[in-house]
Amino acid sequence: MDNEIKVPSPEESPKEKRTLRDWLGDIYELVEMLGIVSVTIMLMFAFVLRLNIVDGHSMDMTLAHGEYLAVSDLLYEPEAGDIVIVHKINADPYDAPIVKRVIATEGQTVDIDFATWTLKVDGEVIDEPYRYLDDGPTLTSDWTFPVTVGENEIFVMGDNRNNSADSRTSEIGMIDKRCVVGKAYVRIFPMQNFEVFKNPRKN
């Protein structure tokens, strides 16, 4: 008599029955995972990122009033073309945090032709695809151009050049780098406008 071992087919294998304990275990693992993710996000926003809300229209059409930005100053050194949040507490009446674009950094020379809105940095014409001019009167400057950016300072402007208080005004002027809250990396709200910002000066 041959000794045959019969292996049951998948159809013949008994189906594994899930118990209440199995379901509770799955739910516990899901809750644990969500808890870890939540704590990680909270720690990230506490120590790495912060949220800033765009207030005003100085960055039209790049940013809109009320949008939420994820900002960080971790290991950050301002570079021309970056979108930054600055807070110059002695710049009354502009002593609240403001969002602007870095135009030039320490030692660079800025020149602006307000008739043609030609921007030059160190004699080189800068292509500014983000620049917007609303229908208001041309907003020029308190300064006489060209100007050279001082040590540990940056020169900033809003993308909406006719509706922006920035380094062109004597109240704000050059920004000490210690007044830079951080770089705006991402627009996170509204969700349909989610965007990771790229520096157009690096293209």
N, C-alpha and C. Protein backbone atom coordinates (compact mmCIF):
# COMPACT_ATOMS: atom_id res chain seq x y z
N MET A 1 0.85 -1.19 0.00
CA MET A 1 0.00 0.00 0.00
C MET A 1 0.88 1.23 0.00
N ASP A 2 0.64 2.11 -0.97
CA ASP A 2 1.46 3.32 -1.07
C ASP A 2 1.06 4.32 0.01
N ASN A 3 2.12 4.93 0.61
CA ASN A 3 1.86 5.98 1.60
C ASN A 3 1.75 7.32 0.89
N GLU A 4 0.57 7.79 0.71
CA GLU A 4 0.35 9.07 0.02
C GLU A 4 -0.04 10.14 1.04
N ILE A 5 0.57 11.33 0.86
CA ILE A 5 0.21 12.47 1.71
C ILE A 5 -0.61 13.43 0.87
N LYS A 6 -1.80 13.63 1.30
CA LYS A 6 -2.69 14.50 0.56
C LYS A 6 -2.60 15.92 1.10
N VAL A 7 -2.20 16.86 0.21
CA VAL A 7 -2.12 18.28 0.59
C VAL A 7 -3.44 18.94 0.23
N PRO A 8 -4.10 19.51 1.17
CA PRO A 8 -5.40 20.11 0.86
C PRO A 8 -5.24 21.29 -0.09
N SER A 9 -6.15 21.39 -0.99
CA SER A 9 -6.16 22.53 -1.93
C SER A 9 -6.59 23.77 -1.17
N PRO A 10 -6.31 24.98 -1.75
CA PRO A 10 -6.75 26.22 -1.09
C PRO A 10 -8.24 26.22 -0.80
N GLU A 11 -9.01 25.57 -1.70
CA GLU A 11 -10.45 25.54 -1.48
C GLU A 11 -10.80 24.71 -0.25
N GLU A 12 -9.93 23.73 0.04
CA GLU A 12 -10.22 22.85 1.16
C GLU A 12 -9.66 23.37 2.47
N SER A 13 -8.70 24.37 2.41
CA SER A 13 -8.08 24.90 3.61
C SER A 13 -9.12 25.66 4.42
N PRO A 14 -9.12 25.50 5.72
CA PRO A 14 -10.09 26.22 6.55
C PRO A 14 -9.77 27.71 6.54
N LYS A 15 -10.81 28.52 6.45
CA LYS A 15 -10.62 29.97 6.44
C LYS A 15 -10.29 30.45 7.85
N GLU A 16 -9.33 31.36 7.90
CA GLU A 16 -8.95 31.92 9.19
C GLU A 16 -10.05 32.84 9.70
N LYS A 17 -10.44 32.61 10.90
CA LYS A 17 -11.50 33.44 11.48
C LYS A 17 -10.87 34.54 12.33
N ARG A 18 -11.27 35.79 12.07
CA ARG A 18 -10.76 36.92 12.85
C ARG A 18 -11.62 37.09 14.09
N THR A 19 -10.94 37.21 15.20
CA THR A 19 -11.63 37.36 16.47
C THR A 19 -11.73 38.83 16.83
N LEU A 20 -12.50 39.14 17.85
CA LEU A 20 -12.62 40.51 18.34
C LEU A 20 -11.27 41.04 18.76
N ARG A 21 -10.44 40.15 19.33
CA ARG A 21 -9.10 40.57 19.75
C ARG A 21 -8.26 41.00 18.54
N ASP A 22 -8.41 40.28 17.41
CA ASP A 22 -7.69 40.66 16.19
C ASP A 22 -8.09 42.05 15.73
N TRP A 23 -9.40 42.30 15.70
CA TRP A 23 -9.89 43.61 15.26
C TRP A 23 -9.43 44.71 16.20
N LEU A 24 -9.50 44.47 17.50
CA LEU A 24 -9.03 45.47 18.47
C LEU A 24 -7.54 45.72 18.31
N GLY A 25 -6.78 44.66 18.00
CA GLY A 25 -5.34 44.82 17.78
C GLY A 25 -5.06 45.70 16.58
N ASP A 26 -5.82 45.51 15.49
CA ASP A 26 -5.65 46.35 14.30
C ASP A 26 -5.97 47.80 14.60
N ILE A 27 -7.06 48.01 15.34
CA ILE A 27 -7.46 49.37 15.68
C ILE A 27 -6.40 50.04 16.56
N TYR A 28 -5.85 49.28 17.50
CA TYR A 28 -4.80 49.82 18.38
C TYR A 28 -3.58 50.24 17.57
N GLU A 29 -3.17 49.39 16.62
CA GLU A 29 -2.01 49.71 15.79
C GLU A 29 -2.26 50.97 14.96
N LEU A 30 -3.50 51.11 14.43
CA LEU A 30 -3.82 52.29 13.64
C LEU A 30 -3.78 53.55 14.50
N VAL A 31 -4.37 53.47 15.70
CA VAL A 31 -4.37 54.63 16.60
C VAL A 31 -2.94 54.98 17.01
N GLU A 32 -2.12 53.96 17.26
CA GLU A 32 -0.73 54.18 17.64
C GLU A 32 0.03 54.88 16.51
N MET A 33 -0.20 54.43 15.27
CA MET A 33 0.48 55.03 14.13
C MET A 33 0.06 56.50 13.96
N LEU A 34 -1.26 56.75 14.08
CA LEU A 34 -1.75 58.13 13.95
C LEU A 34 -1.19 59.01 15.06
N GLY A 35 -1.05 58.44 16.26
CA GLY A 35 -0.48 59.20 17.37
C GLY A 35 0.96 59.59 17.11
N ILE A 36 1.74 58.64 16.58
CA ILE A 36 3.14 58.91 16.28
C ILE A 36 3.25 60.00 15.20
N VAL A 37 2.41 59.88 14.16
CA VAL A 37 2.42 60.87 13.08
C VAL A 37 2.06 62.25 13.63
N SER A 38 1.03 62.30 14.49
CA SER A 38 0.59 63.58 15.05
C SER A 38 1.68 64.23 15.90
N VAL A 39 2.32 63.42 16.75
CA VAL A 39 3.40 63.96 17.59
C VAL A 39 4.57 64.43 16.74
N THR A 40 4.90 63.67 15.69
CA THR A 40 5.99 64.07 14.79
C THR A 40 5.69 65.41 14.13
N ILE A 41 4.45 65.57 13.66
CA ILE A 41 4.06 66.84 13.02
C ILE A 41 4.12 67.98 14.01
N MET A 42 3.64 67.76 15.24
CA MET A 42 3.67 68.82 16.25
C MET A 42 5.10 69.22 16.60
N LEU A 43 5.98 68.23 16.74
CA LEU A 43 7.38 68.54 17.03
C LEU A 43 8.03 69.28 15.88
N MET A 44 7.68 68.89 14.65
CA MET A 44 8.25 69.54 13.49
C MET A 44 7.86 71.01 13.45
N PHE A 45 6.56 71.30 13.72
CA PHE A 45 6.12 72.69 13.70
C PHE A 45 6.60 73.46 14.92
N ALA A 46 6.93 72.75 16.00
CA ALA A 46 7.43 73.43 17.18
C ALA A 46 8.90 73.83 17.04
N PHE A 47 9.70 72.97 16.40
CA PHE A 47 11.14 73.19 16.39
C PHE A 47 11.75 73.39 15.00
N VAL A 48 11.05 73.03 13.94
CA VAL A 48 11.62 73.13 12.60
C VAL A 48 10.84 74.13 11.74
N LEU A 49 9.54 73.94 11.66
CA LEU A 49 8.70 74.79 10.83
C LEU A 49 7.76 75.63 11.68
N ARG A 50 7.32 76.74 11.13
CA ARG A 50 6.26 77.52 11.75
C ARG A 50 5.30 77.96 10.65
N LEU A 51 4.08 78.25 11.04
CA LEU A 51 3.09 78.72 10.09
C LEU A 51 3.03 80.24 10.10
N ASN A 52 2.98 80.82 8.92
CA ASN A 52 2.76 82.26 8.78
C ASN A 52 1.63 82.50 7.80
N ILE A 53 0.81 83.50 8.11
CA ILE A 53 -0.31 83.85 7.25
C ILE A 53 0.04 85.11 6.47
N VAL A 54 -0.19 85.08 5.17
CA VAL A 54 0.07 86.26 4.32
C VAL A 54 -0.96 87.33 4.67
N ASP A 55 -0.46 88.51 5.02
CA ASP A 55 -1.33 89.62 5.40
C ASP A 55 -1.12 90.77 4.42
N GLY A 56 -2.11 91.02 3.58
CA GLY A 56 -1.98 92.10 2.61
C GLY A 56 -1.75 91.61 1.20
N HIS A 57 -1.45 92.55 0.32
CA HIS A 57 -1.37 92.26 -1.12
C HIS A 57 -0.01 92.61 -1.73
N SER A 58 1.01 92.74 -0.89
CA SER A 58 2.31 93.14 -1.43
C SER A 58 2.99 92.05 -2.25
N MET A 59 2.50 90.79 -2.13
CA MET A 59 3.11 89.71 -2.91
C MET A 59 2.19 89.20 -4.02
N ASP A 60 1.11 89.94 -4.31
CA ASP A 60 0.30 89.59 -5.49
C ASP A 60 1.22 89.61 -6.71
N MET A 61 1.13 88.72 -7.65
CA MET A 61 0.26 87.59 -7.80
C MET A 61 0.91 86.27 -7.34
N THR A 62 2.03 86.35 -6.68
CA THR A 62 2.71 85.14 -6.21
C THR A 62 1.97 84.53 -5.03
N LEU A 63 1.61 85.38 -4.07
CA LEU A 63 0.89 84.96 -2.87
C LEU A 63 -0.35 85.82 -2.72
N ALA A 64 -1.37 85.24 -2.07
CA ALA A 64 -2.61 85.97 -1.85
C ALA A 64 -2.85 86.17 -0.36
N HIS A 65 -3.56 87.24 -0.05
CA HIS A 65 -3.92 87.54 1.33
C HIS A 65 -4.63 86.34 1.97
N GLY A 66 -4.20 85.96 3.17
CA GLY A 66 -4.84 84.88 3.90
C GLY A 66 -4.26 83.50 3.67
N GLU A 67 -3.31 83.36 2.76
CA GLU A 67 -2.72 82.04 2.52
C GLU A 67 -1.76 81.67 3.66
N TYR A 68 -1.62 80.36 3.88
CA TYR A 68 -0.75 79.84 4.94
C TYR A 68 0.56 79.34 4.33
N LEU A 69 1.67 79.75 4.95
CA LEU A 69 2.99 79.36 4.48
C LEU A 69 3.72 78.59 5.58
N ALA A 70 4.47 77.55 5.17
CA ALA A 70 5.36 76.84 6.08
C ALA A 70 6.73 77.48 5.98
N VAL A 71 7.22 77.98 7.12
CA VAL A 71 8.45 78.78 7.16
C VAL A 71 9.45 78.14 8.11
N SER A 72 10.73 78.21 7.75
CA SER A 72 11.77 77.69 8.63
C SER A 72 13.03 78.53 8.52
N ASP A 73 13.73 78.66 9.66
CA ASP A 73 15.04 79.34 9.66
C ASP A 73 16.16 78.37 9.99
N LEU A 74 15.85 77.07 10.00
CA LEU A 74 16.85 76.06 10.35
C LEU A 74 17.96 76.03 9.32
N LEU A 75 19.18 76.37 9.76
CA LEU A 75 20.37 76.37 8.90
C LEU A 75 20.16 77.23 7.66
N TYR A 76 19.37 78.29 7.80
CA TYR A 76 19.05 79.10 6.62
C TYR A 76 19.92 80.34 6.52
N GLU A 77 20.41 80.57 5.33
CA GLU A 77 21.16 81.78 4.98
C GLU A 77 20.45 82.43 3.80
N PRO A 78 19.96 83.68 3.96
CA PRO A 78 19.18 84.31 2.88
C PRO A 78 19.93 84.36 1.56
N GLU A 79 19.20 84.05 0.49
CA GLU A 79 19.73 84.11 -0.87
C GLU A 79 18.78 84.92 -1.75
N ALA A 80 19.35 85.63 -2.70
CA ALA A 80 18.54 86.42 -3.62
C ALA A 80 17.55 85.53 -4.34
N GLY A 81 16.29 85.95 -4.37
CA GLY A 81 15.23 85.19 -5.02
C GLY A 81 14.33 84.45 -4.04
N ASP A 82 14.79 84.25 -2.80
CA ASP A 82 13.99 83.55 -1.79
C ASP A 82 12.80 84.42 -1.35
N ILE A 83 11.72 83.75 -0.96
CA ILE A 83 10.61 84.42 -0.28
C ILE A 83 10.85 84.25 1.21
N VAL A 84 10.84 85.36 1.95
CA VAL A 84 11.16 85.30 3.37
C VAL A 84 10.12 86.07 4.19
N ILE A 85 10.07 85.72 5.47
CA ILE A 85 9.31 86.48 6.45
C ILE A 85 10.31 87.28 7.26
N VAL A 86 10.10 88.59 7.34
CA VAL A 86 10.99 89.44 8.13
C VAL A 86 10.17 90.16 9.20
N HIS A 87 10.82 90.43 10.33
CA HIS A 87 10.14 91.12 11.43
C HIS A 87 11.10 92.15 12.01
N LYS A 88 10.94 93.36 11.55
CA LYS A 88 11.78 94.47 12.00
C LYS A 88 10.97 95.29 12.99
N ILE A 89 11.19 95.06 14.28
CA ILE A 89 10.31 95.60 15.30
C ILE A 89 10.38 97.12 15.44
N ASN A 90 11.43 97.74 14.92
CA ASN A 90 11.55 99.20 15.01
C ASN A 90 11.14 99.90 13.73
N ALA A 91 10.41 99.20 12.85
CA ALA A 91 10.04 99.77 11.54
C ALA A 91 8.61 100.29 11.57
N ASP A 92 8.26 101.02 12.60
CA ASP A 92 6.91 101.57 12.74
C ASP A 92 6.56 102.42 11.52
N PRO A 93 5.38 102.24 10.90
CA PRO A 93 4.24 101.41 11.29
C PRO A 93 4.28 100.01 10.67
N TYR A 94 5.43 99.58 10.18
CA TYR A 94 5.53 98.26 9.54
C TYR A 94 6.29 97.29 10.44
N ASP A 95 5.93 97.29 11.74
CA ASP A 95 6.69 96.51 12.71
C ASP A 95 6.10 95.13 12.97
N ALA A 96 5.14 94.70 12.15
CA ALA A 96 4.63 93.34 12.22
C ALA A 96 5.40 92.48 11.22
N PRO A 97 5.37 91.14 11.37
CA PRO A 97 6.04 90.28 10.38
C PRO A 97 5.48 90.51 8.98
N ILE A 98 6.35 90.62 7.99
CA ILE A 98 5.93 90.85 6.61
C ILE A 98 6.62 89.84 5.70
N VAL A 99 5.96 89.53 4.59
CA VAL A 99 6.53 88.57 3.64
C VAL A 99 7.02 89.33 2.41
N LYS A 100 8.26 89.09 2.02
CA LYS A 100 8.89 89.79 0.89
C LYS A 100 9.81 88.82 0.15
N ARG A 101 10.38 89.33 -0.94
CA ARG A 101 11.36 88.55 -1.70
C ARG A 101 12.74 89.19 -1.55
N VAL A 102 13.74 88.35 -1.33
CA VAL A 102 15.12 88.84 -1.23
C VAL A 102 15.59 89.25 -2.61
N ILE A 103 16.02 90.49 -2.73
CA ILE A 103 16.51 91.03 -4.00
C ILE A 103 18.03 90.98 -4.06
N ALA A 104 18.66 91.31 -2.94
CA ALA A 104 20.13 91.33 -2.92
C ALA A 104 20.60 91.07 -1.50
N THR A 105 21.84 90.62 -1.38
CA THR A 105 22.42 90.32 -0.08
C THR A 105 23.67 91.16 0.15
N GLU A 106 24.30 90.93 1.28
CA GLU A 106 25.44 91.73 1.73
C GLU A 106 26.47 92.00 0.63
N GLY A 107 26.79 93.29 0.47
CA GLY A 107 27.83 93.69 -0.48
C GLY A 107 27.35 93.90 -1.90
N GLN A 108 26.13 93.49 -2.24
CA GLN A 108 25.64 93.66 -3.59
C GLN A 108 25.04 95.06 -3.78
N THR A 109 25.10 95.54 -5.01
CA THR A 109 24.59 96.87 -5.33
C THR A 109 23.30 96.75 -6.13
N VAL A 110 22.28 97.45 -5.66
CA VAL A 110 20.95 97.42 -6.28
C VAL A 110 20.70 98.73 -7.01
N ASP A 111 20.20 98.63 -8.24
CA ASP A 111 19.82 99.81 -9.01
C ASP A 111 18.47 99.54 -9.67
N ILE A 112 17.55 100.51 -9.59
CA ILE A 112 16.22 100.35 -10.15
C ILE A 112 15.89 101.54 -11.04
N ASP A 113 15.48 101.25 -12.26
CA ASP A 113 14.95 102.27 -13.17
C ASP A 113 13.43 102.21 -13.04
N PHE A 114 12.84 103.17 -12.32
CA PHE A 114 11.41 103.13 -12.05
C PHE A 114 10.56 103.46 -13.28
N ALA A 115 11.18 104.05 -14.30
CA ALA A 115 10.43 104.34 -15.53
C ALA A 115 10.14 103.06 -16.30
N THR A 116 11.10 102.14 -16.29
CA THR A 116 10.94 100.88 -17.02
C THR A 116 10.84 99.68 -16.09
N TRP A 117 10.98 99.91 -14.78
CA TRP A 117 11.01 98.85 -13.78
C TRP A 117 12.09 97.82 -14.09
N THR A 118 13.23 98.33 -14.53
CA THR A 118 14.40 97.47 -14.75
C THR A 118 15.19 97.37 -13.46
N LEU A 119 15.40 96.15 -12.99
CA LEU A 119 16.16 95.92 -11.77
C LEU A 119 17.54 95.39 -12.13
N LYS A 120 18.56 96.02 -11.56
CA LYS A 120 19.93 95.55 -11.74
C LYS A 120 20.55 95.25 -10.39
N VAL A 121 21.27 94.15 -10.32
CA VAL A 121 22.06 93.80 -9.14
C VAL A 121 23.49 93.59 -9.60
N ASP A 122 24.40 94.40 -9.04
CA ASP A 122 25.81 94.38 -9.46
C ASP A 122 25.93 94.60 -10.97
N GLY A 123 25.08 95.47 -11.50
CA GLY A 123 25.14 95.82 -12.91
C GLY A 123 24.46 94.86 -13.85
N GLU A 124 23.95 93.73 -13.34
CA GLU A 124 23.30 92.73 -14.17
C GLU A 124 21.79 92.88 -14.10
N VAL A 125 21.13 92.94 -15.27
CA VAL A 125 19.68 93.03 -15.31
C VAL A 125 19.08 91.70 -14.83
N ILE A 126 18.16 91.80 -13.87
CA ILE A 126 17.55 90.61 -13.28
C ILE A 126 16.20 90.34 -13.93
N ASP A 127 16.04 89.14 -14.43
CA ASP A 127 14.75 88.72 -14.98
C ASP A 127 13.81 88.42 -13.82
N GLU A 128 12.65 89.07 -13.81
CA GLU A 128 11.72 88.91 -12.69
C GLU A 128 10.34 88.46 -13.19
N PRO A 129 10.16 87.17 -13.46
CA PRO A 129 8.87 86.69 -13.96
C PRO A 129 7.76 86.83 -12.92
N TYR A 130 8.13 86.97 -11.66
CA TYR A 130 7.16 87.09 -10.57
C TYR A 130 6.66 88.52 -10.35
N ARG A 131 7.33 89.50 -10.95
CA ARG A 131 6.98 90.90 -10.68
C ARG A 131 5.59 91.23 -11.20
N TYR A 132 4.85 91.99 -10.39
CA TYR A 132 3.49 92.40 -10.76
C TYR A 132 3.33 93.88 -10.46
N LEU A 133 2.72 94.60 -11.39
CA LEU A 133 2.45 96.02 -11.22
C LEU A 133 0.95 96.22 -11.28
N ASP A 134 0.34 96.58 -10.13
CA ASP A 134 -1.10 96.79 -10.15
C ASP A 134 -1.41 98.14 -10.79
N ASP A 135 -2.67 98.53 -10.76
CA ASP A 135 -3.10 99.73 -11.48
C ASP A 135 -2.87 101.02 -10.70
N GLY A 136 -2.27 100.92 -9.53
CA GLY A 136 -2.03 102.12 -8.74
C GLY A 136 -0.87 102.94 -9.28
N PRO A 137 -0.60 104.08 -8.66
CA PRO A 137 0.53 104.91 -9.09
C PRO A 137 1.85 104.21 -8.83
N THR A 138 2.85 104.56 -9.62
CA THR A 138 4.17 103.95 -9.46
C THR A 138 4.75 104.30 -8.10
N LEU A 139 5.10 103.27 -7.34
CA LEU A 139 5.69 103.45 -6.02
C LEU A 139 7.21 103.40 -6.18
N THR A 140 7.86 104.52 -5.93
CA THR A 140 9.31 104.58 -6.15
C THR A 140 10.05 104.31 -4.84
N SER A 141 10.84 105.26 -4.35
CA SER A 141 11.67 104.98 -3.19
C SER A 141 12.05 106.26 -2.47
N ASP A 142 12.37 106.09 -1.17
CA ASP A 142 12.94 107.19 -0.39
C ASP A 142 14.44 107.33 -0.64
N TRP A 143 15.02 106.26 -1.19
CA TRP A 143 16.46 106.25 -1.38
C TRP A 143 16.84 106.77 -2.76
N THR A 144 18.10 107.15 -2.88
CA THR A 144 18.66 107.46 -4.20
C THR A 144 19.45 106.25 -4.66
N PHE A 145 19.10 105.73 -5.82
CA PHE A 145 19.77 104.54 -6.33
C PHE A 145 20.91 104.94 -7.26
N PRO A 146 21.93 104.05 -7.35
CA PRO A 146 22.08 102.71 -6.76
C PRO A 146 22.43 102.75 -5.27
N VAL A 147 22.13 101.65 -4.56
CA VAL A 147 22.47 101.49 -3.15
C VAL A 147 23.20 100.17 -2.97
N THR A 148 24.09 100.15 -2.00
CA THR A 148 24.84 98.91 -1.70
C THR A 148 24.36 98.36 -0.37
N VAL A 149 24.09 97.07 -0.36
CA VAL A 149 23.58 96.40 0.83
C VAL A 149 24.69 96.27 1.86
N GLY A 150 24.37 96.65 3.09
CA GLY A 150 25.38 96.66 4.15
C GLY A 150 25.72 95.28 4.67
N GLU A 151 26.68 95.24 5.57
CA GLU A 151 27.14 93.98 6.18
C GLU A 151 26.00 93.34 6.97
N ASN A 152 25.83 92.04 6.77
CA ASN A 152 24.80 91.25 7.47
C ASN A 152 23.40 91.77 7.21
N GLU A 153 23.17 92.35 6.05
CA GLU A 153 21.86 92.87 5.70
C GLU A 153 21.38 92.28 4.37
N ILE A 154 20.08 92.44 4.12
CA ILE A 154 19.50 92.06 2.83
C ILE A 154 18.58 93.18 2.36
N PHE A 155 18.36 93.23 1.06
CA PHE A 155 17.43 94.18 0.44
C PHE A 155 16.24 93.37 -0.05
N VAL A 156 15.02 93.76 0.38
CA VAL A 156 13.83 92.99 0.02
C VAL A 156 12.80 93.88 -0.65
N MET A 157 11.97 93.26 -1.50
CA MET A 157 10.84 93.96 -2.10
C MET A 157 9.67 92.99 -2.22
N GLY A 158 8.46 93.54 -2.25
CA GLY A 158 7.29 92.74 -2.55
C GLY A 158 7.17 92.54 -4.04
N ASP A 159 6.58 91.43 -4.46
CA ASP A 159 6.42 91.17 -5.90
C ASP A 159 5.45 92.16 -6.54
N ASN A 160 4.47 92.65 -5.78
CA ASN A 160 3.54 93.67 -6.27
C ASN A 160 4.17 95.03 -6.01
N ARG A 161 4.96 95.51 -6.95
CA ARG A 161 5.85 96.64 -6.71
C ARG A 161 5.15 97.96 -6.41
N ASN A 162 3.91 98.13 -6.87
CA ASN A 162 3.20 99.38 -6.60
C ASN A 162 2.33 99.30 -5.35
N ASN A 163 2.46 98.20 -4.60
CA ASN A 163 1.64 98.05 -3.39
C ASN A 163 2.44 97.31 -2.34
N SER A 164 3.65 97.80 -2.07
CA SER A 164 4.52 97.11 -1.12
C SER A 164 5.40 98.09 -0.37
N ALA A 165 5.34 98.01 0.96
CA ALA A 165 6.31 98.71 1.79
C ALA A 165 7.47 97.76 2.01
N ASP A 166 8.66 98.16 1.60
CA ASP A 166 9.80 97.26 1.65
C ASP A 166 11.09 98.05 1.79
N SER A 167 12.20 97.51 1.31
CA SER A 167 13.49 98.17 1.50
C SER A 167 13.61 99.49 0.75
N ARG A 168 12.62 99.79 -0.09
CA ARG A 168 12.63 101.09 -0.76
C ARG A 168 12.20 102.22 0.17
N THR A 169 11.55 101.88 1.28
CA THR A 169 11.06 102.90 2.20
C THR A 169 12.03 103.08 3.36
N SER A 170 12.16 104.31 3.82
CA SER A 170 13.10 104.59 4.91
C SER A 170 12.67 103.94 6.21
N GLU A 171 11.35 103.70 6.40
CA GLU A 171 10.89 103.05 7.63
C GLU A 171 11.39 101.62 7.74
N ILE A 172 11.53 100.95 6.61
CA ILE A 172 11.98 99.55 6.61
C ILE A 172 13.45 99.47 6.22
N GLY A 173 13.79 99.97 5.06
CA GLY A 173 15.18 100.00 4.63
C GLY A 173 15.82 98.63 4.52
N MET A 174 17.11 98.60 4.68
CA MET A 174 17.83 97.32 4.66
C MET A 174 17.41 96.48 5.87
N ILE A 175 17.36 95.18 5.70
CA ILE A 175 16.92 94.28 6.76
C ILE A 175 18.12 93.54 7.35
N ASP A 176 18.34 93.72 8.65
CA ASP A 176 19.36 92.93 9.33
C ASP A 176 18.95 91.46 9.26
N LYS A 177 19.90 90.59 8.95
CA LYS A 177 19.59 89.17 8.79
C LYS A 177 19.03 88.55 10.07
N ARG A 178 19.30 89.17 11.21
CA ARG A 178 18.74 88.68 12.46
C ARG A 178 17.23 88.92 12.53
N CYS A 179 16.71 89.78 11.65
CA CYS A 179 15.27 90.05 11.60
C CYS A 179 14.54 89.10 10.65
N VAL A 180 15.27 88.19 10.04
CA VAL A 180 14.64 87.23 9.14
C VAL A 180 14.07 86.08 9.96
N VAL A 181 12.75 85.97 9.97
CA VAL A 181 12.07 84.90 10.71
C VAL A 181 12.35 83.55 10.06
N GLY A 182 12.43 83.55 8.74
CA GLY A 182 12.72 82.31 8.03
C GLY A 182 12.33 82.40 6.57
N LYS A 183 12.64 81.34 5.85
CA LYS A 183 12.31 81.23 4.44
C LYS A 183 10.97 80.51 4.28
N ALA A 184 10.13 81.02 3.37
CA ALA A 184 8.88 80.34 3.05
C ALA A 184 9.18 79.21 2.06
N TYR A 185 8.95 77.98 2.50
CA TYR A 185 9.25 76.82 1.66
C TYR A 185 8.02 76.29 0.92
N VAL A 186 6.86 76.37 1.58
CA VAL A 186 5.67 75.73 1.03
C VAL A 186 4.44 76.58 1.32
N ARG A 187 3.55 76.68 0.33
CA ARG A 187 2.21 77.20 0.57
C ARG A 187 1.33 75.99 0.86
N ILE A 188 0.76 75.92 2.07
CA ILE A 188 0.02 74.72 2.45
C ILE A 188 -1.49 74.92 2.49
N PHE A 189 -1.95 76.17 2.44
CA PHE A 189 -3.39 76.40 2.46
C PHE A 189 -3.68 77.70 1.71
N PRO A 190 -4.73 77.73 0.88
CA PRO A 190 -5.69 76.64 0.61
C PRO A 190 -5.04 75.48 -0.16
N MET A 191 -5.58 74.28 0.09
CA MET A 191 -4.97 73.07 -0.43
C MET A 191 -4.88 73.06 -1.95
N GLN A 192 -5.86 73.68 -2.64
CA GLN A 192 -5.82 73.66 -4.10
C GLN A 192 -4.68 74.50 -4.64
N ASN A 193 -4.08 75.36 -3.79
CA ASN A 193 -2.94 76.17 -4.21
C ASN A 193 -1.64 75.69 -3.59
N PHE A 194 -1.63 74.45 -3.09
CA PHE A 194 -0.41 73.91 -2.49
C PHE A 194 0.76 74.03 -3.46
N GLU A 195 1.88 74.53 -2.95
CA GLU A 195 3.04 74.72 -3.83
C GLU A 195 4.33 74.72 -3.01
N VAL A 196 5.32 74.01 -3.52
CA VAL A 196 6.67 74.09 -2.97
C VAL A 196 7.40 75.16 -3.77
N PHE A 197 7.87 76.20 -3.08
CA PHE A 197 8.45 77.34 -3.78
C PHE A 197 9.86 77.02 -4.31
N LYS A 198 10.09 77.47 -5.51
CA LYS A 198 11.41 77.37 -6.12
C LYS A 198 12.00 78.77 -6.27
N ASN A 199 13.30 78.84 -6.16
CA ASN A 199 13.97 80.13 -6.31
C ASN A 199 14.18 80.41 -7.79
N PRO A 200 13.49 81.44 -8.35
CA PRO A 200 13.62 81.71 -9.79
C PRO A 200 15.00 82.20 -10.20
N ARG A 201 15.78 82.66 -9.24
CA ARG A 201 17.13 83.13 -9.57
C ARG A 201 18.10 81.97 -9.73
N LYS A 202 17.65 80.76 -9.43
CA LYS A 202 18.51 79.59 -9.56
C LYS A 202 18.18 78.76 -10.79
N ASN A 203 17.20 79.18 -11.56
CA ASN A 203 16.80 78.41 -12.77
C ASN A 203 17.86 78.53 -13.85
